[in-house]
Amino acid sequence: QPGNFSGMHPLFLSTLSTSAPELVLFMLQRRLRELIMVKDGVMPEGVAPWMQGKLTKQAGRFSMDGLIGVYRTLIDLDYKAKSGGLVLPLSMSLENVLADV
């Protein structure tokens, strides 16, 4: 949910304690891609019926411009992580991105 960093932050830290930051980045990119598709009126293939409602509800909380902006930021972060261009560790960079959502 946009603007809920204090509620999301403990979940993010918990996820990082059990998953590599690269996996978290991949999962965030995938979810943003799905939300952009749903916002555009296209349900991603292979999504379980129970998940369709959740995606629709989540997509409704964001503007299309907001979703695309965060997605582009994550793509840029991914590129920098793979090319050695990150100033901060990936986990901290992800945390900064999420704090801006």
C-alpha atoms as a PDB file:
ATOM      1  CA  GLN A   1       0.000   0.000   0.000  1.00  0.00           C
ATOM      2  CA  PRO A   2       1.446   3.401  -0.908  1.00  0.00           C
ATOM      3  CA  GLY A   3       2.711   5.482   1.988  1.00  0.00           C
ATOM      4  CA  ASN A   4       2.754   2.600   4.477  1.00  0.00           C
ATOM      5  CA  PHE A   5       6.506   2.177   4.926  1.00  0.00           C
ATOM      6  CA  SER A   6       6.217   1.706   8.696  1.00  0.00           C
ATOM      7  CA  GLY A   7       3.843  -1.224   8.212  1.00  0.00           C
ATOM      8  CA  MET A   8       5.808  -2.726   5.343  1.00  0.00           C
ATOM      9  CA  HIS A   9       9.329  -2.267   6.734  1.00  0.00           C
ATOM     10  CA  PRO A  10       9.259  -5.145   9.277  1.00  0.00           C
ATOM     11  CA  LEU A  11       7.950  -7.492   6.559  1.00  0.00           C
ATOM     12  CA  PHE A  12      10.712  -6.360   4.213  1.00  0.00           C
ATOM     13  CA  LEU A  13      13.389  -6.973   6.860  1.00  0.00           C
ATOM     14  CA  SER A  14      11.915 -10.377   7.659  1.00  0.00           C
ATOM     15  CA  THR A  15      11.996 -11.313   3.975  1.00  0.00           C
ATOM     16  CA  LEU A  16      15.625 -10.192   3.702  1.00  0.00           C
ATOM     17  CA  SER A  17      16.531 -12.388   6.674  1.00  0.00           C
ATOM     18  CA  THR A  18      15.497 -15.491   4.730  1.00  0.00           C
ATOM     19  CA  SER A  19      15.997 -14.452   1.081  1.00  0.00           C
ATOM     20  CA  ALA A  20      18.838 -12.895  -0.883  1.00  0.00           C
ATOM     21  CA  PRO A  21      18.333  -9.256  -1.871  1.00  0.00           C
ATOM     22  CA  GLU A  22      18.606 -10.317  -5.530  1.00  0.00           C
ATOM     23  CA  LEU A  23      15.608 -12.622  -5.078  1.00  0.00           C
ATOM     24  CA  VAL A  24      13.649  -9.870  -3.324  1.00  0.00           C
ATOM     25  CA  LEU A  25      14.430  -7.517  -6.227  1.00  0.00           C
ATOM     26  CA  PHE A  26      13.252 -10.147  -8.724  1.00  0.00           C
ATOM     27  CA  MET A  27      10.027 -10.747  -6.778  1.00  0.00           C
ATOM     28  CA  LEU A  28       9.304  -7.012  -6.556  1.00  0.00           C
ATOM     29  CA  GLN A  29       9.905  -6.570 -10.285  1.00  0.00           C
ATOM     30  CA  ARG A  30       7.573  -9.456 -11.066  1.00  0.00           C
ATOM     31  CA  ARG A  31       4.825  -8.105  -8.803  1.00  0.00           C
ATOM     32  CA  LEU A  32       5.119  -4.607 -10.302  1.00  0.00           C
ATOM     33  CA  ARG A  33       4.894  -6.096 -13.794  1.00  0.00           C
ATOM     34  CA  GLU A  34       1.730  -7.962 -12.769  1.00  0.00           C
ATOM     35  CA  LEU A  35       0.205  -4.848 -11.197  1.00  0.00           C
ATOM     36  CA  ILE A  36       0.932  -2.792 -14.322  1.00  0.00           C
ATOM     37  CA  MET A  37      -0.751  -5.440 -16.475  1.00  0.00           C
ATOM     38  CA  VAL A  38      -3.816  -5.571 -14.198  1.00  0.00           C
ATOM     39  CA  LYS A  39      -4.024  -1.773 -14.094  1.00  0.00           C
ATOM     40  CA  ASP A  40      -3.984  -1.864 -17.907  1.00  0.00           C
ATOM     41  CA  GLY A  41      -6.877  -4.357 -17.922  1.00  0.00           C
ATOM     42  CA  VAL A  42      -4.880  -7.517 -18.675  1.00  0.00           C
ATOM     43  CA  MET A  43      -4.729 -10.376 -16.194  1.00  0.00           C
ATOM     44  CA  PRO A  44      -1.334 -12.146 -16.304  1.00  0.00           C
ATOM     45  CA  GLU A  45      -1.478 -15.737 -17.541  1.00  0.00           C
ATOM     46  CA  GLY A  46      -1.419 -18.517 -14.984  1.00  0.00           C
ATOM     47  CA  VAL A  47      -2.634 -16.403 -12.079  1.00  0.00           C
ATOM     48  CA  ALA A  48      -4.805 -18.409  -9.695  1.00  0.00           C
ATOM     49  CA  PRO A  49      -8.402 -17.175  -9.348  1.00  0.00           C
ATOM     50  CA  TRP A  50      -7.897 -16.244  -5.687  1.00  0.00           C
ATOM     51  CA  MET A  51      -4.843 -14.177  -6.636  1.00  0.00           C
ATOM     52  CA  GLN A  52      -6.703 -12.229  -9.343  1.00  0.00           C
ATOM     53  CA  GLY A  53      -8.775 -10.427  -6.732  1.00  0.00           C
ATOM     54  CA  LYS A  54      -5.714  -9.577  -4.665  1.00  0.00           C
ATOM     55  CA  LEU A  55      -3.864  -8.194  -7.689  1.00  0.00           C
ATOM     56  CA  THR A  56      -6.876  -6.127  -8.732  1.00  0.00           C
ATOM     57  CA  LYS A  57      -7.222  -4.683  -5.226  1.00  0.00           C
ATOM     58  CA  GLN A  58      -3.490  -3.891  -5.011  1.00  0.00           C
ATOM     59  CA  ALA A  59      -3.397  -2.316  -8.475  1.00  0.00           C
ATOM     60  CA  GLY A  60      -6.313  -0.090  -7.506  1.00  0.00           C
ATOM     61  CA  ARG A  61      -4.225   1.506  -4.773  1.00  0.00           C
ATOM     62  CA  PHE A  62      -1.683   2.898  -7.226  1.00  0.00           C
ATOM     63  CA  SER A  63      -1.719   5.170 -10.234  1.00  0.00           C
ATOM     64  CA  MET A  64      -0.359   3.775 -13.495  1.00  0.00           C
ATOM     65  CA  ASP A  65       2.352   6.449 -13.484  1.00  0.00           C
ATOM     66  CA  GLY A  66       3.321   5.471  -9.948  1.00  0.00           C
ATOM     67  CA  LEU A  67       3.581   1.790 -10.831  1.00  0.00           C
ATOM     68  CA  ILE A  68       5.638   2.473 -13.939  1.00  0.00           C
ATOM     69  CA  GLY A  69       7.909   4.844 -12.018  1.00  0.00           C
ATOM     70  CA  VAL A  70       8.685   2.271  -9.322  1.00  0.00           C
ATOM     71  CA  TYR A  71       9.148  -0.442 -11.963  1.00  0.00           C
ATOM     72  CA  ARG A  72      11.651   1.714 -13.862  1.00  0.00           C
ATOM     73  CA  THR A  73      13.499   2.426 -10.627  1.00  0.00           C
ATOM     74  CA  LEU A  74      13.734  -1.309  -9.910  1.00  0.00           C
ATOM     75  CA  ILE A  75      14.994  -2.003 -13.436  1.00  0.00           C
ATOM     76  CA  ASP A  76      17.653   0.673 -12.986  1.00  0.00           C
ATOM     77  CA  LEU A  77      18.602  -0.810  -9.620  1.00  0.00           C
ATOM     78  CA  ASP A  78      18.878  -4.265 -11.202  1.00  0.00           C
ATOM     79  CA  TYR A  79      21.159  -2.935 -13.932  1.00  0.00           C
ATOM     80  CA  LYS A  80      23.387  -1.142 -11.435  1.00  0.00           C
ATOM     81  CA  ALA A  81      23.567  -4.222  -9.209  1.00  0.00           C
ATOM     82  CA  LYS A  82      24.663  -6.376 -12.135  1.00  0.00           C
ATOM     83  CA  SER A  83      27.139  -3.859 -13.525  1.00  0.00           C
ATOM     84  CA  GLY A  84      28.772  -2.814 -10.249  1.00  0.00           C
ATOM     85  CA  GLY A  85      27.201   0.626 -10.234  1.00  0.00           C
ATOM     86  CA  LEU A  86      25.503   0.536  -6.829  1.00  0.00           C
ATOM     87  CA  VAL A  87      26.714   3.032  -4.245  1.00  0.00           C
ATOM     88  CA  LEU A  88      24.916   1.264  -1.384  1.00  0.00           C
ATOM     89  CA  PRO A  89      24.405  -2.472  -0.807  1.00  0.00           C
ATOM     90  CA  LEU A  90      21.420  -3.846  -2.755  1.00  0.00           C
ATOM     91  CA  SER A  91      19.385  -4.416   0.418  1.00  0.00           C
ATOM     92  CA  MET A  92      19.751  -0.757   1.441  1.00  0.00           C
ATOM     93  CA  SER A  93      19.010   0.421  -2.082  1.00  0.00           C
ATOM     94  CA  LEU A  94      15.806  -1.642  -2.111  1.00  0.00           C
ATOM     95  CA  GLU A  95      14.845  -0.229   1.269  1.00  0.00           C
ATOM     96  CA  ASN A  96      15.283   3.310  -0.081  1.00  0.00           C
ATOM     97  CA  VAL A  97      13.088   2.540  -3.093  1.00  0.00           C
ATOM     98  CA  LEU A  98      10.357   1.087  -0.901  1.00  0.00           C
ATOM     99  CA  ALA A  99      10.506   4.069   1.455  1.00  0.00           C
ATOM    100  CA  ASP A 100       9.654   6.310  -1.512  1.00  0.00           C
ATOM    101  CA  VAL A 101       6.576   4.308  -2.540  1.00  0.00           C
END
